[in-house]
PDB file of N, CA and C in Angstrom:
ATOM      1  N   UNK A   1      91.638  40.124 100.861  1.00  0.00           N
ATOM      2  CA  UNK A   1      90.579  39.423 100.156  1.00  0.00           C
ATOM      3  C   UNK A   1      89.346  40.329 100.077  1.00  0.00           C
ATOM      4  N   UNK A   2      88.783  40.500  98.892  1.00  0.00           N
ATOM      5  CA  UNK A   2      87.623  41.382  98.768  1.00  0.00           C
ATOM      6  C   UNK A   2      86.392  40.810  99.481  1.00  0.00           C
ATOM      7  N   UNK A   3      85.535  41.713  99.890  1.00  0.00           N
ATOM      8  CA  UNK A   3      84.320  41.322 100.589  1.00  0.00           C
ATOM      9  C   UNK A   3      83.404  40.557  99.638  1.00  0.00           C
ATOM     10  N   UNK A   4      82.848  39.437 100.101  1.00  0.00           N
ATOM     11  CA  UNK A   4      81.947  38.632  99.277  1.00  0.00           C
ATOM     12  C   UNK A   4      80.553  39.260  99.245  1.00  0.00           C
ATOM     13  N   UNK A   5      79.742  38.776  98.337  1.00  0.00           N
ATOM     14  CA  UNK A   5      78.363  39.263  98.216  1.00  0.00           C
ATOM     15  C   UNK A   5      77.595  39.011  99.505  1.00  0.00           C
ATOM     16  N   UNK A   6      77.763  37.822 100.080  1.00  0.00           N
ATOM     17  CA  UNK A   6      77.026  37.507 101.308  1.00  0.00           C
ATOM     18  C   UNK A   6      77.498  38.375 102.471  1.00  0.00           C
ATOM     19  N   UNK A   7      78.783  38.693 102.526  1.00  0.00           N
ATOM     20  CA  UNK A   7      79.270  39.584 103.584  1.00  0.00           C
ATOM     21  C   UNK A   7      78.644  40.973 103.419  1.00  0.00           C
ATOM     22  N   UNK A   8      78.638  41.473 102.205  1.00  0.00           N
ATOM     23  CA  UNK A   8      78.089  42.813 101.935  1.00  0.00           C
ATOM     24  C   UNK A   8      76.595  42.867 102.240  1.00  0.00           C
ATOM     25  N   UNK A   9      75.855  41.896 101.734  1.00  0.00           N
ATOM     26  CA  UNK A   9      74.402  41.904 101.920  1.00  0.00           C
ATOM     27  C   UNK A   9      74.003  41.684 103.376  1.00  0.00           C
ATOM     28  N   UNK A  10      74.717  40.812 104.075  1.00  0.00           N
ATOM     29  CA  UNK A  10      74.368  40.573 105.479  1.00  0.00           C
ATOM     30  C   UNK A  10      74.705  41.785 106.344  1.00  0.00           C
ATOM     31  N   UNK A  11      75.773  42.513 106.002  1.00  0.00           N
ATOM     32  CA  UNK A  11      76.121  43.732 106.735  1.00  0.00           C
ATOM     33  C   UNK A  11      75.065  44.816 106.492  1.00  0.00           C
ATOM     34  N   UNK A  12      74.682  45.001 105.231  1.00  0.00           N
ATOM     35  CA  UNK A  12      73.655  45.997 104.902  1.00  0.00           C
ATOM     36  C   UNK A  12      72.332  45.659 105.579  1.00  0.00           C
ATOM     37  N   UNK A  13      72.006  44.366 105.625  1.00  0.00           N
ATOM     38  CA  UNK A  13      70.782  43.934 106.285  1.00  0.00           C
ATOM     39  C   UNK A  13      70.853  44.223 107.784  1.00  0.00           C
ATOM     40  N   UNK A  14      72.002  43.980 108.397  1.00  0.00           N
ATOM     41  CA  UNK A  14      72.166  44.261 109.831  1.00  0.00           C
ATOM     42  C   UNK A  14      71.934  45.743 110.123  1.00  0.00           C
ATOM     43  N   UNK A  15      72.432  46.610 109.251  1.00  0.00           N
ATOM     44  CA  UNK A  15      72.188  48.047 109.428  1.00  0.00           C
ATOM     45  C   UNK A  15      70.700  48.365 109.338  1.00  0.00           C
ATOM     46  N   UNK A  16      70.013  47.719 108.413  1.00  0.00           N
ATOM     47  CA  UNK A  16      68.564  47.916 108.271  1.00  0.00           C
ATOM     48  C   UNK A  16      67.833  47.424 109.521  1.00  0.00           C
ATOM     49  N   UNK A  17      68.272  46.316 110.069  1.00  0.00           N
ATOM     50  CA  UNK A  17      67.657  45.764 111.283  1.00  0.00           C
ATOM     51  C   UNK A  17      67.889  46.709 112.470  1.00  0.00           C
ATOM     52  N   UNK A  18      69.059  47.304 112.552  1.00  0.00           N
ATOM     53  CA  UNK A  18      69.340  48.265 113.634  1.00  0.00           C
ATOM     54  C   UNK A  18      68.402  49.466 113.524  1.00  0.00           C
ATOM     55  N   UNK A  19      68.209  49.969 112.299  1.00  0.00           N
ATOM     56  CA  UNK A  19      67.275  51.097 112.111  1.00  0.00           C
ATOM     57  C   UNK A  19      65.852  50.699 112.495  1.00  0.00           C
ATOM     58  N   UNK A  20      65.444  49.493 112.084  1.00  0.00           N
ATOM     59  CA  UNK A  20      64.112  49.006 112.426  1.00  0.00           C
ATOM     60  C   UNK A  20      63.975  48.830 113.940  1.00  0.00           C
ATOM     61  N   UNK A  21      65.005  48.305 114.577  1.00  0.00           N
ATOM     62  CA  UNK A  21      65.001  48.144 116.032  1.00  0.00           C
ATOM     63  C   UNK A  21      64.766  49.493 116.724  1.00  0.00           C
ATOM     64  N   UNK A  22      65.484  50.510 116.267  1.00  0.00           N
ATOM     65  CA  UNK A  22      65.316  51.840 116.860  1.00  0.00           C
ATOM     66  C   UNK A  22      63.883  52.344 116.674  1.00  0.00           C
ATOM     67  N   UNK A  23      63.325  52.111 115.499  1.00  0.00           N
ATOM     68  CA  UNK A  23      61.940  52.534 115.253  1.00  0.00           C
ATOM     69  C   UNK A  23      60.970  51.765 116.149  1.00  0.00           C
ATOM     70  N   UNK A  24      61.190  50.476 116.297  1.00  0.00           N
ATOM     71  CA  UNK A  24      60.325  49.665 117.154  1.00  0.00           C
ATOM     72  C   UNK A  24      60.437  50.103 118.616  1.00  0.00           C
ATOM     73  N   UNK A  25      61.636  50.424 119.056  1.00  0.00           N
ATOM     74  CA  UNK A  25      61.830  50.918 120.419  1.00  0.00           C
ATOM     75  C   UNK A  25      61.080  52.236 120.619  1.00  0.00           C
ATOM     76  N   UNK A  26      61.157  53.117 119.629  1.00  0.00           N
ATOM     77  CA  UNK A  26      60.436  54.394 119.700  1.00  0.00           C
ATOM     78  C   UNK A  26      58.929  54.181 119.812  1.00  0.00           C
ATOM     79  N   UNK A  27      58.453  53.088 119.219  1.00  0.00           N
ATOM     80  CA  UNK A  27      57.022  52.771 119.262  1.00  0.00           C
ATOM     81  C   UNK A  27      56.671  51.862 120.434  1.00  0.00           C
ATOM     82  N   UNK A  28      57.618  51.684 121.317  1.00  0.00           N
ATOM     83  CA  UNK A  28      57.438  50.933 122.560  1.00  0.00           C
ATOM     84  C   UNK A  28      57.188  49.434 122.354  1.00  0.00           C
ATOM     85  N   UNK A  29      57.818  48.876 121.351  1.00  0.00           N
ATOM     86  CA  UNK A  29      57.779  47.425 121.155  1.00  0.00           C
ATOM     87  C   UNK A  29      59.154  46.931 121.576  1.00  0.00           C
ATOM     88  N   UNK A  30      59.204  46.267 122.738  1.00  0.00           N
ATOM     89  CA  UNK A  30      60.486  45.938 123.335  1.00  0.00           C
ATOM     90  C   UNK A  30      60.887  44.468 123.216  1.00  0.00           C
ATOM     91  N   UNK A  31      59.945  43.563 123.268  1.00  0.00           N
ATOM     92  CA  UNK A  31      60.281  42.140 123.329  1.00  0.00           C
ATOM     93  C   UNK A  31      60.730  41.613 121.966  1.00  0.00           C
ATOM     94  N   UNK A  32      59.855  41.690 120.982  1.00  0.00           N
ATOM     95  CA  UNK A  32      60.205  41.179 119.651  1.00  0.00           C
ATOM     96  C   UNK A  32      61.345  41.976 119.026  1.00  0.00           C
ATOM     97  N   UNK A  33      61.397  43.265 119.321  1.00  0.00           N
ATOM     98  CA  UNK A  33      62.453  44.091 118.723  1.00  0.00           C
ATOM     99  C   UNK A  33      63.844  43.622 119.169  1.00  0.00           C
ATOM    100  N   UNK A  34      63.975  43.225 120.435  1.00  0.00           N
ATOM    101  CA  UNK A  34      65.280  42.756 120.922  1.00  0.00           C
ATOM    102  C   UNK A  34      65.657  41.420 120.290  1.00  0.00           C
ATOM    103  N   UNK A  35      64.675  40.533 120.147  1.00  0.00           N
ATOM    104  CA  UNK A  35      64.942  39.249 119.498  1.00  0.00           C
ATOM    105  C   UNK A  35      65.339  39.475 118.041  1.00  0.00           C
ATOM    106  N   UNK A  36      64.645  40.394 117.389  1.00  0.00           N
ATOM    107  CA  UNK A  36      64.929  40.716 115.993  1.00  0.00           C
ATOM    108  C   UNK A  36      66.332  41.304 115.852  1.00  0.00           C
ATOM    109  N   UNK A  37      66.709  42.179 116.767  1.00  0.00           N
ATOM    110  CA  UNK A  37      68.052  42.769 116.730  1.00  0.00           C
ATOM    111  C   UNK A  37      69.121  41.685 116.860  1.00  0.00           C
ATOM    112  N   UNK A  38      68.918  40.771 117.787  1.00  0.00           N
ATOM    113  CA  UNK A  38      69.908  39.707 118.004  1.00  0.00           C
ATOM    114  C   UNK A  38      70.042  38.797 116.782  1.00  0.00           C
ATOM    115  N   UNK A  39      68.912  38.302 116.279  1.00  0.00           N
ATOM    116  CA  UNK A  39      68.991  37.353 115.159  1.00  0.00           C
ATOM    117  C   UNK A  39      69.392  38.049 113.861  1.00  0.00           C
ATOM    118  N   UNK A  40      68.887  39.254 113.642  1.00  0.00           N
ATOM    119  CA  UNK A  40      69.172  39.966 112.397  1.00  0.00           C
ATOM    120  C   UNK A  40      70.620  40.403 112.248  1.00  0.00           C
ATOM    121  N   UNK A  41      71.264  40.725 113.358  1.00  0.00           N
ATOM    122  CA  UNK A  41      72.673  41.114 113.292  1.00  0.00           C
ATOM    123  C   UNK A  41      73.592  39.894 113.403  1.00  0.00           C
ATOM    124  N   UNK A  42      73.080  38.814 113.934  1.00  0.00           N
ATOM    125  CA  UNK A  42      73.860  37.586 114.069  1.00  0.00           C
ATOM    126  C   UNK A  42      74.171  36.949 112.713  1.00  0.00           C
ATOM    127  N   UNK A  43      73.316  37.182 111.732  1.00  0.00           N
ATOM    128  CA  UNK A  43      73.547  36.618 110.397  1.00  0.00           C
ATOM    129  C   UNK A  43      74.919  37.044 109.896  1.00  0.00           C
ATOM    130  N   UNK A  44      75.141  38.340 109.851  1.00  0.00           N
ATOM    131  CA  UNK A  44      76.407  38.869 109.355  1.00  0.00           C
ATOM    132  C   UNK A  44      77.587  38.501 110.231  1.00  0.00           C
ATOM    133  N   UNK A  45      77.366  38.459 111.537  1.00  0.00           N
ATOM    134  CA  UNK A  45      78.452  38.085 112.446  1.00  0.00           C
ATOM    135  C   UNK A  45      78.933  36.663 112.164  1.00  0.00           C
ATOM    136  N   UNK A  46      78.007  35.757 111.913  1.00  0.00           N
ATOM    137  CA  UNK A  46      78.381  34.376 111.606  1.00  0.00           C
ATOM    138  C   UNK A  46      79.012  34.249 110.228  1.00  0.00           C
ATOM    139  N   UNK A  47      78.560  35.056 109.280  1.00  0.00           N
ATOM    140  CA  UNK A  47      79.183  35.067 107.951  1.00  0.00           C
ATOM    141  C   UNK A  47      80.637  35.530 108.075  1.00  0.00           C
ATOM    142  N   UNK A  48      80.870  36.567 108.876  1.00  0.00           N
ATOM    143  CA  UNK A  48      82.238  37.055 109.085  1.00  0.00           C
ATOM    144  C   UNK A  48      83.110  35.984 109.747  1.00  0.00           C
ATOM    145  N   UNK A  49      82.558  35.308 110.751  1.00  0.00           N
ATOM    146  CA  UNK A  49      83.308  34.236 111.398  1.00  0.00           C
ATOM    147  C   UNK A  49      83.622  33.123 110.405  1.00  0.00           C
ATOM    148  N   UNK A  50      82.676  32.813 109.544  1.00  0.00           N
ATOM    149  CA  UNK A  50      82.882  31.755 108.547  1.00  0.00           C
ATOM    150  C   UNK A  50      84.013  32.115 107.593  1.00  0.00           C
ATOM    151  N   UNK A  51      84.140  33.387 107.271  1.00  0.00           N
ATOM    152  CA  UNK A  51      85.187  33.802 106.332  1.00  0.00           C
ATOM    153  C   UNK A  51      86.586  33.577 106.907  1.00  0.00           C
ATOM    154  N   UNK A  52      86.666  33.443 108.227  1.00  0.00           N
ATOM    155  CA  UNK A  52      87.948  33.165 108.877  1.00  0.00           C
ATOM    156  C   UNK A  52      87.987  31.739 109.417  1.00  0.00           C
ATOM    157  N   UNK A  53      87.116  30.885 108.880  1.00  0.00           N
ATOM    158  CA  UNK A  53      87.032  29.509 109.350  1.00  0.00           C
ATOM    159  C   UNK A  53      88.354  28.772 109.229  1.00  0.00           C
ATOM    160  N   UNK A  54      88.612  27.910 110.196  1.00  0.00           N
ATOM    161  CA  UNK A  54      89.864  27.163 110.225  1.00  0.00           C
ATOM    162  C   UNK A  54      89.851  25.967 109.281  1.00  0.00           C
ATOM    163  N   UNK A  55      88.672  25.555 108.868  1.00  0.00           N
ATOM    164  CA  UNK A  55      88.533  24.422 107.961  1.00  0.00           C
ATOM    165  C   UNK A  55      87.237  24.561 107.182  1.00  0.00           C
ATOM    166  N   UNK A  56      87.047  23.699 106.198  1.00  0.00           N
ATOM    167  CA  UNK A  56      85.789  23.709 105.438  1.00  0.00           C
ATOM    168  C   UNK A  56      84.613  23.366 106.354  1.00  0.00           C
ATOM    169  N   UNK A  57      84.842  22.463 107.291  1.00  0.00           N
ATOM    170  CA  UNK A  57      83.764  22.093 108.225  1.00  0.00           C
ATOM    171  C   UNK A  57      83.410  23.266 109.141  1.00  0.00           C
ATOM    172  N   UNK A  58      84.400  24.009 109.586  1.00  0.00           N
ATOM    173  CA  UNK A  58      84.169  25.198 110.410  1.00  0.00           C
ATOM    174  C   UNK A  58      83.385  26.241 109.600  1.00  0.00           C
ATOM    175  N   UNK A  59      83.800  26.454 108.351  1.00  0.00           N
ATOM    176  CA  UNK A  59      83.103  27.366 107.450  1.00  0.00           C
ATOM    177  C   UNK A  59      81.639  26.947 107.307  1.00  0.00           C
ATOM    178  N   UNK A  60      81.419  25.658 107.060  1.00  0.00           N
ATOM    179  CA  UNK A  60      80.064  25.131 106.890  1.00  0.00           C
ATOM    180  C   UNK A  60      79.229  25.325 108.157  1.00  0.00           C
ATOM    181  N   UNK A  61      79.825  25.066 109.304  1.00  0.00           N
ATOM    182  CA  UNK A  61      79.098  25.212 110.573  1.00  0.00           C
ATOM    183  C   UNK A  61      78.644  26.658 110.782  1.00  0.00           C
ATOM    184  N   UNK A  62      79.530  27.610 110.527  1.00  0.00           N
ATOM    185  CA  UNK A  62      79.177  29.027 110.725  1.00  0.00           C
ATOM    186  C   UNK A  62      78.128  29.488 109.708  1.00  0.00           C
ATOM    187  N   UNK A  63      78.262  29.045 108.466  1.00  0.00           N
ATOM    188  CA  UNK A  63      77.275  29.419 107.442  1.00  0.00           C
ATOM    189  C   UNK A  63      75.916  28.796 107.747  1.00  0.00           C
ATOM    190  N   UNK A  64      75.925  27.596 108.311  1.00  0.00           N
ATOM    191  CA  UNK A  64      74.667  26.947 108.708  1.00  0.00           C
ATOM    192  C   UNK A  64      73.989  27.726 109.820  1.00  0.00           C
ATOM    193  N   UNK A  65      74.777  28.206 110.768  1.00  0.00           N
ATOM    194  CA  UNK A  65      74.215  29.026 111.851  1.00  0.00           C
ATOM    195  C   UNK A  65      73.646  30.324 111.278  1.00  0.00           C
ATOM    196  N   UNK A  66      74.366  30.948 110.359  1.00  0.00           N
ATOM    197  CA  UNK A  66      73.877  32.179 109.721  1.00  0.00           C
ATOM    198  C   UNK A  66      72.544  31.919 109.024  1.00  0.00           C
ATOM    199  N   UNK A  67      72.434  30.772 108.369  1.00  0.00           N
ATOM    200  CA  UNK A  67      71.190  30.410 107.682  1.00  0.00           C
ATOM    201  C   UNK A  67      70.037  30.257 108.680  1.00  0.00           C
ATOM    202  N   UNK A  68      70.307  29.613 109.804  1.00  0.00           N
ATOM    203  CA  UNK A  68      69.281  29.448 110.840  1.00  0.00           C
ATOM    204  C   UNK A  68      68.865  30.798 111.422  1.00  0.00           C
ATOM    205  N   UNK A  69      69.826  31.668 111.645  1.00  0.00           N
ATOM    206  CA  UNK A  69      69.518  33.003 112.175  1.00  0.00           C
ATOM    207  C   UNK A  69      68.670  33.797 111.170  1.00  0.00           C
ATOM    208  N   UNK A  70      68.961  33.634 109.895  1.00  0.00           N
ATOM    209  CA  UNK A  70      68.178  34.320 108.856  1.00  0.00           C
ATOM    210  C   UNK A  70      66.726  33.835 108.881  1.00  0.00           C
ATOM    211  N   UNK A  71      66.549  32.543 109.049  1.00  0.00           N
ATOM    212  CA  UNK A  71      65.194  31.989 109.107  1.00  0.00           C
ATOM    213  C   UNK A  71      64.447  32.467 110.367  1.00  0.00           C
ATOM    214  N   UNK A  72      65.151  32.556 111.477  1.00  0.00           N
ATOM    215  CA  UNK A  72      64.533  33.089 112.701  1.00  0.00           C
ATOM    216  C   UNK A  72      64.136  34.552 112.491  1.00  0.00           C
ATOM    217  N   UNK A  73      65.002  35.307 111.854  1.00  0.00           N
ATOM    218  CA  UNK A  73      64.718  36.718 111.584  1.00  0.00           C
ATOM    219  C   UNK A  73      63.490  36.856 110.694  1.00  0.00           C
ATOM    220  N   UNK A  74      63.402  36.008 109.688  1.00  0.00           N
ATOM    221  CA  UNK A  74      62.225  36.035 108.797  1.00  0.00           C
ATOM    222  C   UNK A  74      60.960  35.768 109.602  1.00  0.00           C
ATOM    223  N   UNK A  75      61.008  34.790 110.482  1.00  0.00           N
ATOM    224  CA  UNK A  75      59.861  34.462 111.313  1.00  0.00           C
ATOM    225  C   UNK A  75      59.431  35.657 112.164  1.00  0.00           C
ATOM    226  N   UNK A  76      60.399  36.317 112.789  1.00  0.00           N
ATOM    227  CA  UNK A  76      60.083  37.471 113.634  1.00  0.00           C
ATOM    228  C   UNK A  76      59.511  38.622 112.820  1.00  0.00           C
ATOM    229  N   UNK A  77      60.056  38.852 111.638  1.00  0.00           N
ATOM    230  CA  UNK A  77      59.523  39.905 110.764  1.00  0.00           C
ATOM    231  C   UNK A  77      58.078  39.596 110.369  1.00  0.00           C
ATOM    232  N   UNK A  78      57.817  38.336 110.048  1.00  0.00           N
ATOM    233  CA  UNK A  78      56.448  37.945 109.687  1.00  0.00           C
ATOM    234  C   UNK A  78      55.505  38.115 110.870  1.00  0.00           C
ATOM    235  N   UNK A  79      55.971  37.758 112.063  1.00  0.00           N
ATOM    236  CA  UNK A  79      55.154  37.950 113.271  1.00  0.00           C
ATOM    237  C   UNK A  79      54.797  39.416 113.466  1.00  0.00           C
ATOM    238  N   UNK A  80      55.793  40.280 113.343  1.00  0.00           N
ATOM    239  CA  UNK A  80      55.551  41.713 113.514  1.00  0.00           C
ATOM    240  C   UNK A  80      54.571  42.235 112.471  1.00  0.00           C
ATOM    241  N   UNK A  81      54.728  41.775 111.235  1.00  0.00           N
ATOM    242  CA  UNK A  81      53.864  42.278 110.169  1.00  0.00           C
ATOM    243  C   UNK A  81      52.434  41.755 110.300  1.00  0.00           C
ATOM    244  N   UNK A  82      52.280  40.475 110.558  1.00  0.00           N
ATOM    245  CA  UNK A  82      50.942  39.857 110.587  1.00  0.00           C
ATOM    246  C   UNK A  82      50.183  40.104 111.886  1.00  0.00           C
ATOM    247  N   UNK A  83      50.891  40.411 112.963  1.00  0.00           N
ATOM    248  CA  UNK A  83      50.223  40.608 114.253  1.00  0.00           C
ATOM    249  C   UNK A  83      49.485  41.938 114.323  1.00  0.00           C
ATOM    250  N   UNK A  84      49.839  42.854 113.446  1.00  0.00           N
ATOM    251  CA  UNK A  84      49.245  44.198 113.449  1.00  0.00           C
ATOM    252  C   UNK A  84      49.448  44.927 114.769  1.00  0.00           C
ATOM    253  N   UNK A  85      50.515  44.548 115.497  1.00  0.00           N
ATOM    254  CA  UNK A  85      50.852  45.289 116.715  1.00  0.00           C
ATOM    255  C   UNK A  85      51.231  46.722 116.368  1.00  0.00           C
ATOM    256  N   UNK A  86      51.895  46.859 115.237  1.00  0.00           N
ATOM    257  CA  UNK A  86      52.364  48.163 114.773  1.00  0.00           C
ATOM    258  C   UNK A  86      52.012  48.315 113.309  1.00  0.00           C
ATOM    259  N   UNK A  87      51.769  49.530 112.919  1.00  0.00           N
ATOM    260  CA  UNK A  87      51.483  49.793 111.510  1.00  0.00           C
ATOM    261  C   UNK A  87      52.801  50.075 110.792  1.00  0.00           C
ATOM    262  N   UNK A  88      53.482  48.983 110.417  1.00  0.00           N
ATOM    263  CA  UNK A  88      54.787  49.095 109.779  1.00  0.00           C
ATOM    264  C   UNK A  88      54.810  48.151 108.579  1.00  0.00           C
ATOM    265  N   UNK A  89      55.311  48.635 107.466  1.00  0.00           N
ATOM    266  CA  UNK A  89      55.452  47.808 106.272  1.00  0.00           C
ATOM    267  C   UNK A  89      56.849  47.196 106.276  1.00  0.00           C
ATOM    268  N   UNK A  90      56.906  45.890 106.369  1.00  0.00           N
ATOM    269  CA  UNK A  90      58.182  45.183 106.439  1.00  0.00           C
ATOM    270  C   UNK A  90      58.477  44.413 105.153  1.00  0.00           C
ATOM    271  N   UNK A  91      57.825  44.789 104.076  1.00  0.00           N
ATOM    272  CA  UNK A  91      58.005  44.113 102.793  1.00  0.00           C
ATOM    273  C   UNK A  91      59.462  44.115 102.359  1.00  0.00           C
ATOM    274  N   UNK A  92      60.141  45.240 102.475  1.00  0.00           N
ATOM    275  CA  UNK A  92      61.532  45.344 102.055  1.00  0.00           C
ATOM    276  C   UNK A  92      62.434  44.445 102.894  1.00  0.00           C
ATOM    277  N   UNK A  93      62.237  44.443 104.196  1.00  0.00           N
ATOM    278  CA  UNK A  93      63.053  43.619 105.072  1.00  0.00           C
ATOM    279  C   UNK A  93      62.827  42.133 104.796  1.00  0.00           C
ATOM    280  N   UNK A  94      61.569  41.756 104.542  1.00  0.00           N
ATOM    281  CA  UNK A  94      61.270  40.359 104.217  1.00  0.00           C
ATOM    282  C   UNK A  94      61.905  39.954 102.889  1.00  0.00           C
ATOM    283  N   UNK A  95      61.916  40.868 101.937  1.00  0.00           N
ATOM    284  CA  UNK A  95      62.562  40.592 100.648  1.00  0.00           C
ATOM    285  C   UNK A  95      64.064  40.382 100.856  1.00  0.00           C
ATOM    286  N   UNK A  96      64.677  41.255 101.649  1.00  0.00           N
ATOM    287  CA  UNK A  96      66.113  41.147 101.913  1.00  0.00           C
ATOM    288  C   UNK A  96      66.459  39.849 102.630  1.00  0.00           C
ATOM    289  N   UNK A  97      65.689  39.484 103.633  1.00  0.00           N
ATOM    290  CA  UNK A  97      66.007  38.270 104.389  1.00  0.00           C
ATOM    291  C   UNK A  97      65.783  37.027 103.530  1.00  0.00           C
ATOM    292  N   UNK A  98      64.794  37.052 102.662  1.00  0.00           N
ATOM    293  CA  UNK A  98      64.595  35.920 101.748  1.00  0.00           C
ATOM    294  C   UNK A  98      65.780  35.766 100.809  1.00  0.00           C
ATOM    295  N   UNK A  99      66.322  36.871 100.355  1.00  0.00           N
ATOM    296  CA  UNK A  99      67.503  36.834  99.494  1.00  0.00           C
ATOM    297  C   UNK A  99      68.692  36.253 100.255  1.00  0.00           C
ATOM    298  N   UNK A 100      68.868  36.673 101.498  1.00  0.00           N
ATOM    299  CA  UNK A 100      69.949  36.122 102.320  1.00  0.00           C
ATOM    300  C   UNK A 100      69.769  34.616 102.527  1.00  0.00           C
ATOM    301  N   UNK A 101      68.546  34.196 102.805  1.00  0.00           N
ATOM    302  CA  UNK A 101      68.264  32.771 103.005  1.00  0.00           C
ATOM    303  C   UNK A 101      68.620  31.984 101.745  1.00  0.00           C
ATOM    304  N   UNK A 102      68.249  32.502 100.584  1.00  0.00           N
ATOM    305  CA  UNK A 102      68.546  31.810  99.329  1.00  0.00           C
ATOM    306  C   UNK A 102      70.052  31.684  99.109  1.00  0.00           C
ATOM    307  N   UNK A 103      70.787  32.755  99.348  1.00  0.00           N
ATOM    308  CA  UNK A 103      72.243  32.729  99.164  1.00  0.00           C
ATOM    309  C   UNK A 103      72.883  31.768 100.159  1.00  0.00           C
ATOM    310  N   UNK A 104      72.485  31.868 101.422  1.00  0.00           N
ATOM    311  CA  UNK A 104      73.069  31.004 102.453  1.00  0.00           C
ATOM    312  C   UNK A 104      72.737  29.535 102.213  1.00  0.00           C
ATOM    313  N   UNK A 105      71.523  29.252 101.772  1.00  0.00           N
ATOM    314  CA  UNK A 105      71.143  27.874 101.465  1.00  0.00           C
ATOM    315  C   UNK A 105      72.019  27.318 100.352  1.00  0.00           C
ATOM    316  N   UNK A 106      72.261  28.134  99.347  1.00  0.00           N
ATOM    317  CA  UNK A 106      73.120  27.723  98.240  1.00  0.00           C
ATOM    318  C   UNK A 106      74.551  27.466  98.712  1.00  0.00           C
ATOM    319  N   UNK A 107      75.064  28.358  99.554  1.00  0.00           N
ATOM    320  CA  UNK A 107      76.428  28.195 100.082  1.00  0.00           C
ATOM    321  C   UNK A 107      76.531  26.912 100.909  1.00  0.00           C
ATOM    322  N   UNK A 108      75.571  26.684 101.788  1.00  0.00           N
ATOM    323  CA  UNK A 108      75.593  25.500 102.654  1.00  0.00           C
ATOM    324  C   UNK A 108      75.484  24.235 101.814  1.00  0.00           C
ATOM    325  N   UNK A 109      74.587  24.234 100.854  1.00  0.00           N
ATOM    326  CA  UNK A 109      74.390  23.055 100.004  1.00  0.00           C
ATOM    327  C   UNK A 109      75.655  22.743  99.205  1.00  0.00           C
ATOM    328  N   UNK A 110      76.220  23.740  98.562  1.00  0.00           N
ATOM    329  CA  UNK A 110      77.425  23.554  97.750  1.00  0.00           C
ATOM    330  C   UNK A 110      78.608  23.100  98.604  1.00  0.00           C
ATOM    331  N   UNK A 111      78.774  23.734  99.758  1.00  0.00           N
ATOM    332  CA  UNK A 111      79.884  23.372 100.649  1.00  0.00           C
ATOM    333  C   UNK A 111      79.711  21.941 101.152  1.00  0.00           C
ATOM    334  N   UNK A 112      78.490  21.562 101.512  1.00  0.00           N
ATOM    335  CA  UNK A 112      78.225  20.190 101.988  1.00  0.00           C
ATOM    336  C   UNK A 112      78.563  19.165 100.915  1.00  0.00           C
ATOM    337  N   UNK A 113      78.185  19.459  99.681  1.00  0.00           N
ATOM    338  CA  UNK A 113      78.457  18.545  98.564  1.00  0.00           C
ATOM    339  C   UNK A 113      79.946  18.395  98.289  1.00  0.00           C
ATOM    340  N   UNK A 114      80.710  19.456  98.568  1.00  0.00           N
ATOM    341  CA  UNK A 114      82.148  19.447  98.272  1.00  0.00           C
ATOM    342  C   UNK A 114      83.009  18.901  99.411  1.00  0.00           C
ATOM    343  N   UNK A 115      82.376  18.546 100.518  1.00  0.00           N
ATOM    344  CA  UNK A 115      83.159  17.991 101.648  1.00  0.00           C
ATOM    345  C   UNK A 115      83.470  16.528 101.432  1.00  0.00           C
TER     346      UNK A 115
END
């Protein structure tokens, strides 16, 4: 089965989050960076689990978790950007996570309606 758009985008986003995590670690930001790494990579992990879901309800549950993780990641990115702890432009990452949130919201809504 070919990789879906959400699988591709969430994987690419996870790679971006890993690079950002490394940069944050280099700048000695340890607390938020670890939370960001966990939530940002969890999106794709849950999408992958959903693709192997045993039922539509299992698929929906995993996609819902991915959506929640995306929202947590957005919150952490906004905190990092607005706190001015570091001079880092996170515009691209915020754009990517918003796109993921929109796709995941659509998937969850459509799947819920079809149950």
